[in-house]
Amino acid sequence: MNSHMSHTKAIRAQLLASMRTGEYARCERLPRESVLCVKLGISRTQLRDILASLEREGFITRRHGVGTIINRHVLDVQTRMDIEVEFLDMIRQNGHVPAVASIRTAEGPADEKTAAQLRIPVGTPVLRVSRLCTADGRPAIYCEDVLEKALVRGDYTEEDLKLPIFHFLQEICGVYPYLDLTDLRAVPADEALAGLLQVPLGAPLLYMEEVDYDIDGKPVFCSAEYFADGMFRHTVMRKKL
């Protein structure tokens, strides 16, 4: 990620934190753009890009003649399913202490389903990374990420794999996911998942099947994610367009 994007992302996070728990935590509106630019040390163009992204996600509403309204009811939501949140952050946001309990990697040929998701020929070498995340020591999320082996351009360690998959893709593969499409449904725990997540056989799990794409629309990885029941509360924000 280039320095401009990193700086903008950091300023955006700073502004969100200010609205949640900082100097704007008790405010109904944000200051004027000219004031915010000075406070944040950014240009008017950068600020407007940040405000536009916050408005798309429902955190603020900009109204001509009124100003920038802070949507406190949206800010207070712990976990948003329509916004990408790293697993450890998701666990933390739900009031638990997160950890990565185990990591496994395996290389092999892409099967038909994976090949279709990644738009590669069947049999293409892929890397599969499996992670088990815990909340307060209890198994909470099991995830299997799959990417084409040819994307891996450098050496990596287990510490790299403990970080979010997006770190691995950016730092090791030079790939920058832009958006994902996710299929969401409930599934019963089979024998393997019941053992991993320490739940009864057949217990309901929230299942997300995800494909992430770069800005050009090319698939860069796919994943299967399983969430233990009763540990998370997910909210979806849907705006009327």
Protein backbone atom coordinates (compact mmCIF):
# COMPACT_ATOMS: atom_id res chain seq x y z
CA MET A 1 0.00 0.00 0.00
CA ASN A 2 1.49 3.38 -0.96
CA SER A 3 2.21 6.06 1.64
CA HIS A 4 -0.68 8.28 0.50
CA MET A 5 -3.21 5.46 0.96
CA SER A 6 -1.71 4.53 4.33
CA HIS A 7 -1.86 8.15 5.52
CA THR A 8 -5.48 8.54 4.39
CA LYS A 9 -6.45 5.29 6.10
CA ALA A 10 -4.76 6.43 9.32
CA ILE A 11 -6.53 9.81 9.25
CA ARG A 12 -9.87 8.08 8.60
CA ALA A 13 -9.30 5.79 11.60
CA GLN A 14 -8.32 8.82 13.68
CA LEU A 15 -11.52 10.64 12.77
CA LEU A 16 -13.65 7.57 13.54
CA ALA A 17 -11.96 7.22 16.92
CA SER A 18 -12.58 10.91 17.62
CA MET A 19 -16.29 10.43 16.93
CA ARG A 20 -16.54 7.29 19.04
CA THR A 21 -14.48 8.10 22.13
CA GLY A 22 -12.52 11.28 21.43
CA GLU A 23 -13.23 14.99 21.17
CA TYR A 24 -16.39 14.52 19.07
CA ALA A 25 -17.85 11.70 21.22
CA ARG A 26 -20.51 14.02 22.65
CA CYS A 27 -21.10 16.05 19.50
CA GLU A 28 -24.06 15.82 17.14
CA ARG A 29 -22.08 17.22 14.20
CA LEU A 30 -18.50 17.43 12.98
CA PRO A 31 -16.87 20.86 12.62
CA ARG A 32 -16.78 22.66 9.28
CA GLU A 33 -14.50 21.19 6.61
CA SER A 34 -12.07 24.10 6.88
CA VAL A 35 -11.68 23.45 10.63
CA LEU A 36 -11.29 19.68 10.17
CA CYS A 37 -8.62 20.15 7.50
CA VAL A 38 -6.51 22.19 9.90
CA LYS A 39 -7.07 19.82 12.84
CA LEU A 40 -6.23 16.71 10.77
CA GLY A 41 -3.46 18.32 8.73
CA ILE A 42 -4.87 17.26 5.35
CA SER A 43 -6.14 18.92 2.20
CA ARG A 44 -9.80 19.65 1.44
CA THR A 45 -9.72 16.96 -1.28
CA GLN A 46 -8.39 14.31 1.12
CA LEU A 47 -10.96 15.26 3.73
CA ARG A 48 -13.84 15.04 1.27
CA ASP A 49 -12.69 11.59 0.16
CA ILE A 50 -12.63 10.45 3.80
CA LEU A 51 -16.02 11.97 4.56
CA ALA A 52 -17.50 10.37 1.43
CA SER A 53 -16.32 6.92 2.57
CA LEU A 54 -17.69 7.47 6.09
CA GLU A 55 -21.02 8.55 4.63
CA ARG A 56 -21.20 5.48 2.36
CA GLU A 57 -20.79 3.32 5.45
CA GLY A 58 -23.45 5.23 7.36
CA PHE A 59 -21.27 6.76 10.07
CA ILE A 60 -22.15 10.31 9.04
CA THR A 61 -24.76 12.11 6.97
CA ARG A 62 -23.91 15.32 5.14
CA ARG A 63 -26.79 17.74 4.59
CA HIS A 64 -26.58 21.02 2.75
CA GLY A 65 -27.15 23.93 5.11
CA VAL A 66 -27.05 21.65 8.16
CA GLY A 67 -23.53 20.22 8.19
CA THR A 68 -22.06 16.79 8.83
CA ILE A 69 -24.27 14.85 11.24
CA ILE A 70 -22.71 12.08 13.33
CA ASN A 71 -24.87 8.94 13.26
CA ARG A 72 -24.27 7.78 16.81
CA HIS A 73 -26.56 4.74 16.42
CA VAL A 74 -24.35 3.45 13.61
CA LEU A 75 -21.08 4.21 15.37
CA ASP A 76 -22.21 2.22 18.41
CA VAL A 77 -22.68 -1.03 16.45
CA GLN A 78 -19.99 -3.47 17.58
CA THR A 79 -19.59 -5.66 14.49
CA ARG A 80 -20.75 -4.78 10.98
CA MET A 81 -21.08 -7.61 8.50
CA ASP A 82 -21.07 -5.18 5.57
CA ILE A 83 -17.66 -3.79 6.55
CA GLU A 84 -14.52 -5.93 6.38
CA VAL A 85 -13.12 -6.42 9.89
CA GLU A 86 -10.12 -8.56 10.72
CA PHE A 87 -10.93 -11.61 12.85
CA LEU A 88 -8.86 -10.55 15.86
CA ASP A 89 -10.39 -7.07 15.77
CA MET A 90 -13.86 -8.61 15.48
CA ILE A 91 -13.24 -10.73 18.57
CA ARG A 92 -11.87 -7.71 20.41
CA GLN A 93 -14.86 -5.56 19.41
CA ASN A 94 -17.17 -8.18 20.90
CA GLY A 95 -15.47 -7.82 24.28
CA HIS A 96 -13.14 -10.83 24.21
CA VAL A 97 -9.37 -11.35 24.24
CA PRO A 98 -8.31 -12.64 20.80
CA ALA A 99 -5.50 -15.03 19.91
CA VAL A 100 -4.38 -17.23 17.04
CA ALA A 101 -4.40 -20.76 18.44
CA SER A 102 -3.05 -22.62 15.41
CA ILE A 103 -1.90 -22.13 11.83
CA ARG A 104 -1.47 -24.78 9.17
CA THR A 105 -0.30 -24.41 5.57
CA ALA A 106 -0.59 -26.87 2.72
CA GLU A 107 0.23 -26.77 -0.98
CA GLY A 108 -1.65 -28.71 -3.60
CA PRO A 109 -3.59 -28.55 -6.86
CA ALA A 110 -6.71 -26.42 -7.21
CA ASP A 111 -9.90 -28.48 -7.31
CA GLU A 112 -12.82 -27.53 -9.56
CA LYS A 113 -14.52 -25.29 -7.02
CA THR A 114 -11.35 -23.36 -6.10
CA ALA A 115 -10.35 -23.07 -9.76
CA ALA A 116 -13.74 -21.58 -10.61
CA GLN A 117 -13.56 -19.11 -7.71
CA LEU A 118 -10.05 -17.94 -8.59
CA ARG A 119 -10.53 -18.22 -12.37
CA ILE A 120 -7.51 -20.49 -12.78
CA PRO A 121 -7.15 -23.90 -14.49
CA VAL A 122 -7.98 -26.98 -12.44
CA GLY A 123 -4.75 -28.39 -11.03
CA THR A 124 -2.99 -25.02 -10.69
CA PRO A 125 -0.77 -25.05 -7.56
CA VAL A 126 -2.42 -23.23 -4.65
CA LEU A 127 -1.44 -22.39 -1.09
CA ARG A 128 -3.99 -23.11 1.63
CA VAL A 129 -3.64 -21.35 4.99
CA SER A 130 -5.84 -22.53 7.86
CA ARG A 131 -6.21 -20.51 11.08
CA LEU A 132 -8.04 -21.14 14.33
CA CYS A 133 -8.76 -17.97 16.34
CA THR A 134 -9.87 -18.01 19.95
CA ALA A 135 -11.84 -15.60 22.16
CA ASP A 136 -10.82 -15.72 25.83
CA GLY A 137 -9.15 -19.04 25.03
CA ARG A 138 -12.29 -20.57 23.53
CA PRO A 139 -12.30 -21.56 19.82
CA ALA A 140 -14.29 -18.91 17.97
CA ILE A 141 -13.40 -18.75 14.25
CA TYR A 142 -11.92 -21.29 11.88
CA CYS A 143 -10.85 -20.00 8.48
CA GLU A 144 -9.27 -21.53 5.38
CA ASP A 145 -7.75 -19.03 2.90
CA VAL A 146 -6.66 -20.20 -0.54
CA LEU A 147 -4.55 -18.33 -3.09
CA GLU A 148 -2.60 -19.20 -6.20
CA LYS A 149 0.92 -20.34 -5.24
CA ALA A 150 2.44 -18.22 -8.03
CA LEU A 151 1.36 -15.05 -6.18
CA VAL A 152 3.81 -15.77 -3.34
CA ARG A 153 6.87 -13.71 -4.29
CA GLY A 154 8.95 -13.83 -1.13
CA ASP A 155 9.85 -15.87 1.89
CA TYR A 156 7.54 -15.79 4.87
CA THR A 157 7.50 -17.00 8.44
CA GLU A 158 4.81 -18.26 10.81
CA GLU A 159 4.70 -14.76 12.29
CA ASP A 160 3.62 -13.42 8.88
CA LEU A 161 0.83 -16.00 8.81
CA LYS A 162 -0.37 -15.01 12.28
CA LEU A 163 -1.19 -11.57 10.90
CA PRO A 164 -4.36 -10.97 8.88
CA ILE A 165 -4.39 -12.50 5.39
CA PHE A 166 -4.43 -8.99 3.92
CA HIS A 167 -0.99 -8.32 5.43
CA PHE A 168 0.31 -11.52 3.82
CA LEU A 169 -1.17 -10.62 0.44
CA GLN A 170 0.22 -7.08 0.48
CA GLU A 171 3.65 -7.71 2.00
CA ILE A 172 4.50 -11.14 0.58
CA CYS A 173 2.45 -11.22 -2.63
CA GLY A 174 2.21 -7.55 -3.61
CA VAL A 175 -1.56 -7.99 -4.00
CA TYR A 176 -4.15 -5.48 -2.77
CA PRO A 177 -7.72 -6.79 -2.30
CA TYR A 178 -10.32 -4.17 -3.13
CA LEU A 179 -13.68 -5.81 -2.41
CA ASP A 180 -15.19 -9.20 -1.70
CA LEU A 181 -18.36 -11.09 -2.48
CA THR A 182 -19.55 -13.35 0.33
CA ASP A 183 -22.14 -16.10 0.48
CA LEU A 184 -23.60 -16.36 3.97
CA ARG A 185 -25.52 -19.27 5.45
CA ALA A 186 -25.84 -21.54 8.48
CA VAL A 187 -24.24 -24.99 8.36
CA PRO A 188 -24.10 -27.89 10.85
CA ALA A 189 -20.70 -28.73 12.33
CA ASP A 190 -19.27 -31.90 10.82
CA GLU A 191 -16.88 -34.09 12.78
CA ALA A 192 -13.77 -32.07 11.86
CA LEU A 193 -15.34 -28.68 12.62
CA ALA A 194 -16.90 -29.94 15.85
CA GLY A 195 -13.45 -30.98 17.01
CA LEU A 196 -11.78 -27.72 15.96
CA LEU A 197 -14.40 -25.40 17.44
CA GLN A 198 -15.19 -27.67 20.41
CA VAL A 199 -18.92 -27.77 19.73
CA PRO A 200 -21.32 -30.73 19.51
CA LEU A 201 -21.60 -32.58 16.21
CA GLY A 202 -24.31 -30.89 14.16
CA ALA A 203 -24.17 -27.63 16.13
CA PRO A 204 -25.11 -24.59 14.00
CA LEU A 205 -22.21 -22.52 12.64
CA LEU A 206 -22.29 -19.26 10.73
CA TYR A 207 -20.53 -19.94 7.43
CA MET A 208 -19.11 -17.33 5.06
CA GLU A 209 -17.75 -18.31 1.66
CA GLU A 210 -15.77 -15.34 0.37
CA VAL A 211 -13.94 -14.37 -2.82
CA ASP A 212 -11.79 -11.24 -2.76
CA TYR A 213 -10.98 -9.23 -5.88
CA ASP A 214 -8.40 -6.58 -6.73
CA ILE A 215 -9.38 -3.20 -8.14
CA ASP A 216 -9.33 -4.66 -11.69
CA GLY A 217 -11.86 -7.35 -10.76
CA LYS A 218 -9.38 -10.24 -10.70
CA PRO A 219 -9.91 -12.81 -7.90
CA VAL A 220 -6.90 -12.85 -5.55
CA PHE A 221 -8.01 -15.32 -2.89
CA CYS A 222 -11.00 -17.24 -1.60
CA SER A 223 -11.84 -18.35 1.90
CA ALA A 224 -14.19 -20.49 3.95
CA GLU A 225 -14.95 -19.02 7.39
CA TYR A 226 -16.79 -20.72 10.25
CA PHE A 227 -18.00 -18.84 13.34
CA ALA A 228 -18.99 -20.53 16.59
CA ASP A 229 -22.57 -19.75 17.60
CA GLY A 230 -23.37 -17.42 20.49
CA MET A 231 -20.07 -15.52 20.53
CA PHE A 232 -20.71 -12.78 17.98
CA ARG A 233 -23.48 -10.42 17.09
CA HIS A 234 -23.30 -9.30 13.46
CA THR A 235 -25.20 -6.29 12.10
CA VAL A 236 -25.80 -5.36 8.47
CA MET A 237 -26.45 -1.75 7.53
CA ARG A 238 -28.64 -1.30 4.44
CA LYS A 239 -29.24 2.18 3.11
CA LYS A 240 -32.24 3.06 0.98
CA LEU A 241 -30.86 4.28 -2.32
